[in-house]
Amino acid sequence: MIPVICIAVLLLLFILFMAIGYVKAPPDMAFIISGFKKKSKIVIGKASIRIPFFERMDKLNLRLIPIDVKTSNAVPTADYININVDATVNIKISNNPDKLRLAAENFLNKDTAYIASVAREVLEGNVREIVGKMRLEEMVSDRQKFANLVKENAEPDLAAMGLDIISFNVQNFVDGNDVIENLGID
């Protein structure tokens, strides 16, 4: 009789223990469960069990992060005309397991504002680099080429942090001397 009661109590405690450790991740959130194993477990859009008191669960937001990238100072083009660039970029933490682990190392328990500020600095540096390589007329006439060059240049830097560029759109180019407005005048 007593062994049956002990087994029932242990079984009830085990079920309670597992119920406390039950976690269900939404599709736009990654749950990183770490503790027992060397490699952490990543749960996205499904349920899992974490062992209470022995494993820790942290969250990583997988939603799009919109960033407004503006050059703070005028940047000289390849033909030595100073311009400012205004662009909008959408990034997100990658779903690729290897990149997701990098993002967890870099951004775990950080808010999206912090992630956006880090990515903005990288993107602004890459915008400056591409502006310095292109002629003004080429940038203004083919914005998509400029956007693609910046995206290709920035992707390895952001991938090393676990981030993906979803979209990169140039809003406008501005110069202080009305050179852009006067490009069409012969």
N, C-alpha and C. Protein backbone atom coordinates (compact mmCIF):
# COMPACT_ATOMS: atom_id res chain seq x y z
N MET A 1 0.82 -1.19 0.00
CA MET A 1 0.00 0.00 0.00
C MET A 1 0.87 1.27 0.00
N ILE A 2 1.89 1.29 0.88
CA ILE A 2 2.76 2.46 0.98
C ILE A 2 3.59 2.64 -0.29
N PRO A 3 4.15 1.57 -0.90
CA PRO A 3 4.89 1.78 -2.14
C PRO A 3 4.00 2.34 -3.26
N VAL A 4 2.73 1.96 -3.31
CA VAL A 4 1.81 2.46 -4.33
C VAL A 4 1.59 3.96 -4.13
N ILE A 5 1.44 4.38 -2.88
CA ILE A 5 1.24 5.80 -2.56
C ILE A 5 2.51 6.58 -2.92
N CYS A 6 3.67 6.04 -2.60
CA CYS A 6 4.94 6.70 -2.93
C CYS A 6 5.10 6.86 -4.44
N ILE A 7 4.78 5.80 -5.18
CA ILE A 7 4.87 5.86 -6.64
C ILE A 7 3.89 6.89 -7.19
N ALA A 8 2.68 6.92 -6.67
CA ALA A 8 1.68 7.88 -7.12
C ALA A 8 2.13 9.31 -6.83
N VAL A 9 2.69 9.53 -5.63
CA VAL A 9 3.17 10.87 -5.27
C VAL A 9 4.34 11.27 -6.17
N LEU A 10 5.27 10.34 -6.40
CA LEU A 10 6.41 10.63 -7.29
C LEU A 10 5.94 10.91 -8.71
N LEU A 11 4.97 10.14 -9.20
CA LEU A 11 4.43 10.35 -10.53
C LEU A 11 3.74 11.71 -10.62
N LEU A 12 2.97 12.06 -9.61
CA LEU A 12 2.31 13.36 -9.57
C LEU A 12 3.33 14.50 -9.54
N LEU A 13 4.40 14.35 -8.75
CA LEU A 13 5.46 15.35 -8.70
C LEU A 13 6.17 15.48 -10.05
N PHE A 14 6.40 14.35 -10.72
CA PHE A 14 7.03 14.36 -12.03
C PHE A 14 6.16 15.09 -13.04
N ILE A 15 4.86 14.80 -13.04
CA ILE A 15 3.93 15.47 -13.96
C ILE A 15 3.88 16.96 -13.67
N LEU A 16 3.83 17.33 -12.41
CA LEU A 16 3.82 18.75 -12.02
C LEU A 16 5.13 19.43 -12.45
N PHE A 17 6.23 18.73 -12.25
CA PHE A 17 7.55 19.26 -12.63
C PHE A 17 7.61 19.52 -14.13
N MET A 18 7.09 18.58 -14.93
CA MET A 18 7.10 18.75 -16.38
C MET A 18 6.10 19.83 -16.83
N ALA A 19 4.97 19.94 -16.15
CA ALA A 19 3.99 20.97 -16.50
C ALA A 19 4.55 22.36 -16.26
N ILE A 20 5.33 22.52 -15.21
CA ILE A 20 5.95 23.81 -14.93
C ILE A 20 6.98 24.14 -16.02
N GLY A 21 7.65 23.12 -16.55
CA GLY A 21 8.68 23.32 -17.55
C GLY A 21 8.19 23.37 -18.98
N TYR A 22 6.88 23.20 -19.21
CA TYR A 22 6.32 23.22 -20.56
C TYR A 22 6.37 24.65 -21.11
N VAL A 23 6.95 24.82 -22.29
CA VAL A 23 7.01 26.13 -22.94
C VAL A 23 6.52 25.98 -24.39
N LYS A 24 5.85 27.02 -24.87
CA LYS A 24 5.36 27.01 -26.25
C LYS A 24 5.73 28.35 -26.87
N ALA A 25 6.56 28.29 -27.89
CA ALA A 25 7.07 29.50 -28.54
C ALA A 25 6.17 29.90 -29.70
N PRO A 26 5.84 31.18 -29.80
CA PRO A 26 5.10 31.64 -30.99
C PRO A 26 6.03 31.67 -32.21
N PRO A 27 5.48 31.78 -33.42
CA PRO A 27 6.32 31.75 -34.62
C PRO A 27 7.23 32.96 -34.80
N ASP A 28 6.95 34.06 -34.10
CA ASP A 28 7.79 35.26 -34.24
C ASP A 28 8.73 35.46 -33.05
N MET A 29 8.96 34.40 -32.30
CA MET A 29 9.83 34.48 -31.12
C MET A 29 10.65 33.19 -31.03
N ALA A 30 11.91 33.34 -30.71
CA ALA A 30 12.77 32.16 -30.51
C ALA A 30 13.02 32.02 -29.01
N PHE A 31 12.73 30.85 -28.48
CA PHE A 31 13.06 30.55 -27.09
C PHE A 31 14.39 29.81 -27.09
N ILE A 32 15.36 30.32 -26.39
CA ILE A 32 16.67 29.69 -26.28
C ILE A 32 16.73 29.02 -24.91
N ILE A 33 16.78 27.70 -24.90
CA ILE A 33 16.82 26.94 -23.65
C ILE A 33 18.24 26.42 -23.47
N SER A 34 18.85 26.82 -22.37
CA SER A 34 20.24 26.44 -22.13
C SER A 34 20.38 25.91 -20.71
N GLY A 35 21.42 25.12 -20.49
CA GLY A 35 21.67 24.60 -19.15
C GLY A 35 22.38 23.27 -19.16
N PHE A 36 21.67 22.19 -19.40
CA PHE A 36 22.25 20.86 -19.30
C PHE A 36 23.25 20.55 -20.40
N LYS A 37 22.89 20.85 -21.62
CA LYS A 37 23.73 20.49 -22.76
C LYS A 37 24.68 21.62 -23.11
N LYS A 38 25.77 21.28 -23.79
CA LYS A 38 26.71 22.30 -24.25
C LYS A 38 26.05 23.20 -25.28
N LYS A 39 25.27 22.61 -26.17
CA LYS A 39 24.60 23.36 -27.22
C LYS A 39 23.18 23.68 -26.76
N SER A 40 22.80 24.95 -26.82
CA SER A 40 21.47 25.34 -26.38
C SER A 40 20.41 24.85 -27.38
N LYS A 41 19.20 24.70 -26.87
CA LYS A 41 18.08 24.25 -27.69
C LYS A 41 17.30 25.49 -28.14
N ILE A 42 16.98 25.56 -29.43
CA ILE A 42 16.24 26.70 -29.97
C ILE A 42 14.85 26.21 -30.35
N VAL A 43 13.83 26.91 -29.83
CA VAL A 43 12.45 26.54 -30.08
C VAL A 43 11.76 27.72 -30.75
N ILE A 44 11.24 27.48 -31.97
CA ILE A 44 10.51 28.51 -32.71
C ILE A 44 9.20 27.90 -33.20
N GLY A 45 8.09 28.45 -32.79
CA GLY A 45 6.78 28.02 -33.28
C GLY A 45 6.37 26.63 -32.88
N LYS A 46 6.90 26.12 -31.80
CA LYS A 46 6.50 24.79 -31.32
C LYS A 46 6.66 24.73 -29.81
N ALA A 47 6.31 23.60 -29.25
CA ALA A 47 6.38 23.42 -27.80
C ALA A 47 7.61 22.58 -27.43
N SER A 48 8.04 22.75 -26.20
CA SER A 48 9.19 22.00 -25.69
C SER A 48 9.10 21.93 -24.17
N ILE A 49 9.97 21.15 -23.60
CA ILE A 49 10.06 21.03 -22.15
C ILE A 49 11.43 21.52 -21.71
N ARG A 50 11.44 22.40 -20.73
CA ARG A 50 12.69 22.78 -20.10
C ARG A 50 12.63 22.26 -18.67
N ILE A 51 13.74 21.84 -18.16
CA ILE A 51 13.78 21.29 -16.81
C ILE A 51 13.92 22.44 -15.83
N PRO A 52 12.86 22.70 -15.04
CA PRO A 52 12.92 23.82 -14.10
C PRO A 52 14.12 23.69 -13.15
N PHE A 53 14.68 24.82 -12.79
CA PHE A 53 15.82 24.96 -11.89
C PHE A 53 17.15 24.54 -12.51
N PHE A 54 17.13 23.74 -13.58
CA PHE A 54 18.36 23.28 -14.19
C PHE A 54 18.61 23.90 -15.58
N GLU A 55 17.53 24.32 -16.23
CA GLU A 55 17.66 24.94 -17.54
C GLU A 55 17.03 26.32 -17.51
N ARG A 56 17.61 27.21 -18.29
CA ARG A 56 17.16 28.59 -18.36
C ARG A 56 16.55 28.84 -19.73
N MET A 57 15.50 29.67 -19.78
CA MET A 57 14.88 30.01 -21.04
C MET A 57 14.96 31.53 -21.25
N ASP A 58 15.49 31.91 -22.42
CA ASP A 58 15.56 33.32 -22.80
C ASP A 58 14.82 33.49 -24.12
N LYS A 59 14.39 34.72 -24.39
CA LYS A 59 13.61 34.98 -25.59
C LYS A 59 14.37 35.90 -26.53
N LEU A 60 14.17 35.66 -27.83
CA LEU A 60 14.78 36.47 -28.87
C LEU A 60 13.69 36.78 -29.90
N ASN A 61 13.44 38.06 -30.11
CA ASN A 61 12.37 38.52 -31.00
C ASN A 61 12.79 38.34 -32.46
N LEU A 62 11.94 37.69 -33.26
CA LEU A 62 12.25 37.44 -34.67
C LEU A 62 11.46 38.34 -35.62
N ARG A 63 10.80 39.37 -35.10
CA ARG A 63 10.02 40.27 -35.94
C ARG A 63 10.93 41.20 -36.74
N LEU A 64 10.38 41.79 -37.79
CA LEU A 64 11.10 42.77 -38.59
C LEU A 64 11.44 43.99 -37.74
N ILE A 65 12.62 44.53 -37.97
CA ILE A 65 13.06 45.74 -37.28
C ILE A 65 13.30 46.81 -38.35
N PRO A 66 12.42 47.83 -38.41
CA PRO A 66 12.64 48.89 -39.40
C PRO A 66 13.71 49.87 -38.90
N ILE A 67 14.60 50.26 -39.80
CA ILE A 67 15.68 51.18 -39.45
C ILE A 67 15.71 52.30 -40.49
N ASP A 68 15.83 53.53 -40.00
CA ASP A 68 15.99 54.68 -40.89
C ASP A 68 17.48 55.02 -40.89
N VAL A 69 18.13 54.82 -42.03
CA VAL A 69 19.56 55.06 -42.14
C VAL A 69 19.78 56.39 -42.85
N LYS A 70 20.39 57.32 -42.14
CA LYS A 70 20.73 58.63 -42.71
C LYS A 70 22.19 58.89 -42.44
N THR A 71 22.89 59.38 -43.43
CA THR A 71 24.28 59.77 -43.19
C THR A 71 24.27 61.05 -42.37
N SER A 72 25.01 61.06 -41.28
CA SER A 72 25.00 62.21 -40.37
C SER A 72 25.73 63.41 -40.97
N ASN A 73 26.77 63.18 -41.72
CA ASN A 73 27.52 64.24 -42.40
C ASN A 73 27.49 63.98 -43.90
N ALA A 74 27.75 65.00 -44.67
CA ALA A 74 27.81 64.83 -46.12
C ALA A 74 28.98 63.92 -46.48
N VAL A 75 28.75 63.06 -47.46
CA VAL A 75 29.76 62.09 -47.89
C VAL A 75 30.15 62.41 -49.33
N PRO A 76 31.45 62.49 -49.64
CA PRO A 76 31.86 62.78 -51.01
C PRO A 76 31.70 61.56 -51.91
N THR A 77 31.14 61.79 -53.09
CA THR A 77 30.99 60.72 -54.07
C THR A 77 32.32 60.52 -54.79
N ALA A 78 32.35 59.61 -55.77
CA ALA A 78 33.57 59.37 -56.54
C ALA A 78 33.94 60.59 -57.38
N ASP A 79 32.95 61.43 -57.72
CA ASP A 79 33.26 62.66 -58.46
C ASP A 79 33.28 63.89 -57.53
N TYR A 80 33.53 63.66 -56.24
CA TYR A 80 33.80 64.71 -55.23
C TYR A 80 32.65 65.68 -55.01
N ILE A 81 31.43 65.18 -55.05
CA ILE A 81 30.26 65.99 -54.71
C ILE A 81 29.72 65.48 -53.39
N ASN A 82 29.60 66.36 -52.41
CA ASN A 82 29.13 65.95 -51.08
C ASN A 82 27.61 65.78 -51.08
N ILE A 83 27.16 64.59 -50.63
CA ILE A 83 25.72 64.32 -50.56
C ILE A 83 25.38 63.67 -49.23
N ASN A 84 24.11 63.75 -48.88
CA ASN A 84 23.54 63.01 -47.77
C ASN A 84 22.59 61.97 -48.34
N VAL A 85 22.56 60.80 -47.74
CA VAL A 85 21.71 59.71 -48.21
C VAL A 85 20.70 59.38 -47.11
N ASP A 86 19.46 59.16 -47.52
CA ASP A 86 18.40 58.75 -46.61
C ASP A 86 17.83 57.44 -47.13
N ALA A 87 17.83 56.40 -46.30
CA ALA A 87 17.34 55.09 -46.73
C ALA A 87 16.55 54.44 -45.60
N THR A 88 15.67 53.53 -45.98
CA THR A 88 14.96 52.72 -44.99
C THR A 88 15.35 51.26 -45.21
N VAL A 89 15.59 50.58 -44.10
CA VAL A 89 16.05 49.19 -44.15
C VAL A 89 15.21 48.37 -43.19
N ASN A 90 14.86 47.18 -43.60
CA ASN A 90 14.20 46.22 -42.70
C ASN A 90 15.15 45.06 -42.48
N ILE A 91 15.45 44.80 -41.22
CA ILE A 91 16.31 43.66 -40.87
C ILE A 91 15.54 42.76 -39.92
N LYS A 92 16.06 41.57 -39.73
CA LYS A 92 15.50 40.67 -38.72
C LYS A 92 16.57 39.68 -38.30
N ILE A 93 16.36 39.10 -37.16
CA ILE A 93 17.25 38.04 -36.69
C ILE A 93 16.98 36.82 -37.56
N SER A 94 18.02 36.21 -38.03
CA SER A 94 17.92 35.11 -38.98
C SER A 94 17.26 33.87 -38.37
N ASN A 95 16.56 33.10 -39.22
CA ASN A 95 16.01 31.81 -38.80
C ASN A 95 17.01 30.68 -38.97
N ASN A 96 18.08 30.93 -39.69
CA ASN A 96 19.14 29.94 -39.88
C ASN A 96 19.72 29.58 -38.51
N PRO A 97 19.77 28.30 -38.15
CA PRO A 97 20.22 27.92 -36.79
C PRO A 97 21.60 28.46 -36.41
N ASP A 98 22.56 28.46 -37.34
CA ASP A 98 23.89 28.96 -37.01
C ASP A 98 23.88 30.47 -36.77
N LYS A 99 23.18 31.20 -37.65
CA LYS A 99 23.08 32.65 -37.48
C LYS A 99 22.27 32.99 -36.23
N LEU A 100 21.27 32.16 -35.93
CA LEU A 100 20.44 32.39 -34.75
C LEU A 100 21.27 32.25 -33.47
N ARG A 101 22.19 31.31 -33.47
CA ARG A 101 23.09 31.16 -32.31
C ARG A 101 24.00 32.39 -32.17
N LEU A 102 24.48 32.92 -33.31
CA LEU A 102 25.28 34.15 -33.26
C LEU A 102 24.45 35.31 -32.72
N ALA A 103 23.21 35.41 -33.18
CA ALA A 103 22.33 36.47 -32.70
C ALA A 103 22.06 36.33 -31.21
N ALA A 104 21.93 35.09 -30.75
CA ALA A 104 21.72 34.86 -29.31
C ALA A 104 22.94 35.31 -28.51
N GLU A 105 24.12 35.05 -29.04
CA GLU A 105 25.34 35.49 -28.35
C GLU A 105 25.42 37.02 -28.29
N ASN A 106 24.97 37.67 -29.36
CA ASN A 106 25.10 39.12 -29.45
C ASN A 106 23.93 39.90 -28.87
N PHE A 107 22.71 39.38 -28.99
CA PHE A 107 21.54 40.19 -28.69
C PHE A 107 20.56 39.57 -27.70
N LEU A 108 20.91 38.50 -27.04
CA LEU A 108 19.97 37.86 -26.12
C LEU A 108 19.57 38.83 -25.02
N ASN A 109 18.27 38.93 -24.78
CA ASN A 109 17.67 39.81 -23.77
C ASN A 109 17.91 41.29 -24.04
N LYS A 110 18.23 41.65 -25.28
CA LYS A 110 18.35 43.06 -25.68
C LYS A 110 17.06 43.44 -26.40
N ASP A 111 16.67 44.69 -26.29
CA ASP A 111 15.47 45.14 -26.97
C ASP A 111 15.76 45.47 -28.44
N THR A 112 14.71 45.65 -29.22
CA THR A 112 14.89 45.90 -30.65
C THR A 112 15.56 47.24 -30.92
N ALA A 113 15.41 48.20 -30.01
CA ALA A 113 16.08 49.49 -30.20
C ALA A 113 17.60 49.33 -30.18
N TYR A 114 18.11 48.46 -29.30
CA TYR A 114 19.55 48.21 -29.25
C TYR A 114 20.02 47.53 -30.53
N ILE A 115 19.28 46.52 -30.97
CA ILE A 115 19.63 45.80 -32.20
C ILE A 115 19.62 46.77 -33.38
N ALA A 116 18.60 47.63 -33.44
CA ALA A 116 18.50 48.61 -34.53
C ALA A 116 19.67 49.59 -34.50
N SER A 117 20.10 50.02 -33.32
CA SER A 117 21.21 50.98 -33.25
C SER A 117 22.52 50.36 -33.71
N VAL A 118 22.76 49.11 -33.35
CA VAL A 118 23.97 48.42 -33.79
C VAL A 118 23.95 48.24 -35.31
N ALA A 119 22.81 47.78 -35.84
CA ALA A 119 22.69 47.57 -37.28
C ALA A 119 22.78 48.89 -38.04
N ARG A 120 22.22 49.97 -37.48
CA ARG A 120 22.26 51.28 -38.14
C ARG A 120 23.69 51.74 -38.34
N GLU A 121 24.53 51.55 -37.34
CA GLU A 121 25.93 51.95 -37.46
C GLU A 121 26.63 51.18 -38.58
N VAL A 122 26.38 49.89 -38.66
CA VAL A 122 26.99 49.06 -39.70
C VAL A 122 26.49 49.50 -41.08
N LEU A 123 25.19 49.70 -41.19
CA LEU A 123 24.60 50.09 -42.46
C LEU A 123 25.07 51.48 -42.90
N GLU A 124 25.15 52.41 -41.96
CA GLU A 124 25.61 53.75 -42.32
C GLU A 124 27.05 53.72 -42.82
N GLY A 125 27.89 52.92 -42.20
CA GLY A 125 29.27 52.78 -42.67
C GLY A 125 29.34 52.20 -44.07
N ASN A 126 28.48 51.22 -44.36
CA ASN A 126 28.46 50.63 -45.70
C ASN A 126 27.89 51.59 -46.74
N VAL A 127 26.91 52.40 -46.35
CA VAL A 127 26.38 53.42 -47.27
C VAL A 127 27.49 54.40 -47.63
N ARG A 128 28.25 54.85 -46.61
CA ARG A 128 29.35 55.79 -46.86
C ARG A 128 30.39 55.19 -47.81
N GLU A 129 30.69 53.91 -47.61
CA GLU A 129 31.68 53.25 -48.45
C GLU A 129 31.23 53.19 -49.91
N ILE A 130 29.98 52.83 -50.15
CA ILE A 130 29.48 52.72 -51.52
C ILE A 130 29.33 54.10 -52.16
N VAL A 131 28.90 55.10 -51.39
CA VAL A 131 28.79 56.46 -51.93
C VAL A 131 30.16 56.92 -52.44
N GLY A 132 31.21 56.62 -51.68
CA GLY A 132 32.55 57.02 -52.08
C GLY A 132 33.06 56.33 -53.34
N LYS A 133 32.44 55.21 -53.72
CA LYS A 133 32.87 54.47 -54.91
C LYS A 133 32.08 54.80 -56.17
N MET A 134 30.90 55.42 -56.00
CA MET A 134 30.03 55.66 -57.15
C MET A 134 30.00 57.14 -57.52
N ARG A 135 29.68 57.40 -58.80
CA ARG A 135 29.49 58.77 -59.26
C ARG A 135 28.05 59.19 -58.94
N LEU A 136 27.84 60.48 -58.72
CA LEU A 136 26.52 60.99 -58.34
C LEU A 136 25.45 60.67 -59.38
N GLU A 137 25.78 60.91 -60.65
CA GLU A 137 24.80 60.67 -61.71
C GLU A 137 24.37 59.20 -61.74
N GLU A 138 25.32 58.30 -61.51
CA GLU A 138 25.03 56.86 -61.50
C GLU A 138 24.11 56.51 -60.33
N MET A 139 24.36 57.10 -59.16
CA MET A 139 23.52 56.82 -57.98
C MET A 139 22.10 57.32 -58.19
N VAL A 140 21.96 58.53 -58.67
CA VAL A 140 20.64 59.14 -58.84
C VAL A 140 19.84 58.42 -59.91
N SER A 141 20.49 58.04 -61.02
CA SER A 141 19.76 57.40 -62.11
C SER A 141 19.45 55.93 -61.84
N ASP A 142 20.25 55.26 -61.02
CA ASP A 142 20.03 53.83 -60.74
C ASP A 142 20.09 53.57 -59.24
N ARG A 143 19.01 53.95 -58.56
CA ARG A 143 18.95 53.77 -57.10
C ARG A 143 19.01 52.29 -56.70
N GLN A 144 18.41 51.44 -57.54
CA GLN A 144 18.38 50.01 -57.22
C GLN A 144 19.79 49.42 -57.22
N LYS A 145 20.62 49.85 -58.15
CA LYS A 145 22.01 49.39 -58.18
C LYS A 145 22.74 49.81 -56.90
N PHE A 146 22.53 51.07 -56.50
CA PHE A 146 23.13 51.57 -55.27
C PHE A 146 22.66 50.74 -54.07
N ALA A 147 21.34 50.52 -53.99
CA ALA A 147 20.78 49.75 -52.88
C ALA A 147 21.34 48.32 -52.85
N ASN A 148 21.44 47.70 -54.03
CA ASN A 148 21.98 46.34 -54.09
C ASN A 148 23.44 46.28 -53.67
N LEU A 149 24.23 47.29 -54.08
CA LEU A 149 25.64 47.32 -53.69
C LEU A 149 25.80 47.47 -52.18
N VAL A 150 24.99 48.35 -51.59
CA VAL A 150 25.06 48.53 -50.14
C VAL A 150 24.62 47.25 -49.44
N LYS A 151 23.55 46.64 -49.93
CA LYS A 151 23.04 45.40 -49.33
C LYS A 151 24.09 44.29 -49.41
N GLU A 152 24.70 44.12 -50.58
CA GLU A 152 25.74 43.09 -50.74
C GLU A 152 26.94 43.36 -49.84
N ASN A 153 27.28 44.63 -49.69
CA ASN A 153 28.43 45.01 -48.86
C ASN A 153 28.14 44.82 -47.37
N ALA A 154 26.91 45.08 -46.96
CA ALA A 154 26.56 45.02 -45.54
C ALA A 154 26.18 43.62 -45.06
N GLU A 155 25.72 42.76 -45.96
CA GLU A 155 25.23 41.44 -45.55
C GLU A 155 26.25 40.61 -44.77
N PRO A 156 27.53 40.54 -45.19
CA PRO A 156 28.47 39.74 -44.39
C PRO A 156 28.68 40.29 -42.97
N ASP A 157 28.70 41.63 -42.84
CA ASP A 157 28.87 42.23 -41.51
C ASP A 157 27.69 41.90 -40.61
N LEU A 158 26.48 42.02 -41.16
CA LEU A 158 25.29 41.74 -40.37
C LEU A 158 25.13 40.24 -40.12
N ALA A 159 25.51 39.42 -41.09
CA ALA A 159 25.43 37.97 -40.90
C ALA A 159 26.34 37.49 -39.78
N ALA A 160 27.46 38.17 -39.59
CA ALA A 160 28.37 37.81 -38.50
C ALA A 160 27.74 38.09 -37.14
N MET A 161 26.69 38.92 -37.11
CA MET A 161 25.96 39.21 -35.88
C MET A 161 24.67 38.40 -35.78
N GLY A 162 24.34 37.66 -36.85
CA GLY A 162 23.11 36.86 -36.85
C GLY A 162 21.91 37.58 -37.43
N LEU A 163 22.15 38.64 -38.20
CA LEU A 163 21.05 39.44 -38.76
C LEU A 163 20.98 39.27 -40.28
N ASP A 164 19.77 39.37 -40.81
CA ASP A 164 19.52 39.34 -42.26
C ASP A 164 18.91 40.65 -42.69
N ILE A 165 19.29 41.13 -43.88
CA ILE A 165 18.63 42.30 -44.46
C ILE A 165 17.46 41.79 -45.29
N ILE A 166 16.27 42.25 -44.97
CA ILE A 166 15.08 41.85 -45.72
C ILE A 166 14.87 42.80 -46.88
N SER A 167 14.97 44.10 -46.63
CA SER A 167 14.82 45.07 -47.71
C SER A 167 15.69 46.29 -47.45
N PHE A 168 16.12 46.93 -48.53
CA PHE A 168 16.91 48.16 -48.47
C PHE A 168 16.38 49.08 -49.55
N ASN A 169 15.83 50.22 -49.16
CA ASN A 169 15.27 51.17 -50.12
C ASN A 169 15.85 52.55 -49.89
N VAL A 170 16.33 53.15 -50.97
CA VAL A 170 16.86 54.51 -50.90
C VAL A 170 15.69 55.48 -51.01
N GLN A 171 15.55 56.37 -50.03
CA GLN A 171 14.49 57.36 -50.06
C GLN A 171 14.90 58.55 -50.94
N ASN A 172 16.06 59.13 -50.63
CA ASN A 172 16.53 60.24 -51.47
C ASN A 172 17.99 60.54 -51.24
N PHE A 173 18.53 61.29 -52.20
CA PHE A 173 19.88 61.82 -52.12
C PHE A 173 19.74 63.34 -52.04
N VAL A 174 20.50 63.98 -51.15
CA VAL A 174 20.41 65.43 -50.99
C VAL A 174 21.83 66.00 -50.99
N ASP A 175 22.00 67.10 -51.75
CA ASP A 175 23.28 67.80 -51.69
C ASP A 175 22.99 69.27 -51.37
N GLY A 176 23.93 69.94 -50.79
CA GLY A 176 23.74 71.32 -50.37
C GLY A 176 23.84 72.34 -51.48
N ASN A 177 24.31 71.96 -52.64
CA ASN A 177 24.56 72.92 -53.72
C ASN A 177 23.62 72.75 -54.91
N ASP A 178 22.53 72.02 -54.76
CA ASP A 178 21.55 71.80 -55.83
C ASP A 178 22.14 71.14 -57.07
N VAL A 179 23.19 70.36 -56.91
CA VAL A 179 23.80 69.67 -58.05
C VAL A 179 22.83 68.63 -58.60
N ILE A 180 22.14 67.91 -57.70
CA ILE A 180 21.20 66.86 -58.15
C ILE A 180 20.07 67.48 -58.96
N GLU A 181 19.53 68.61 -58.50
CA GLU A 181 18.45 69.27 -59.22
C GLU A 181 18.90 69.76 -60.59
N ASN A 182 20.17 70.12 -60.71
CA ASN A 182 20.69 70.68 -61.96
C ASN A 182 21.30 69.64 -62.89
N LEU A 183 21.21 68.34 -62.55
CA LEU A 183 21.79 67.30 -63.41
C LEU A 183 21.17 67.27 -64.79
N GLY A 184 19.87 67.55 -64.90
CA GLY A 184 19.20 67.48 -66.19
C GLY A 184 19.42 68.70 -67.06
N ILE A 185 19.96 69.75 -66.50
CA ILE A 185 20.17 70.97 -67.27
C ILE A 185 21.45 70.85 -68.09
N ASP A 186 21.37 71.16 -69.36
CA ASP A 186 22.56 71.08 -70.22
C ASP A 186 23.41 72.31 -70.05
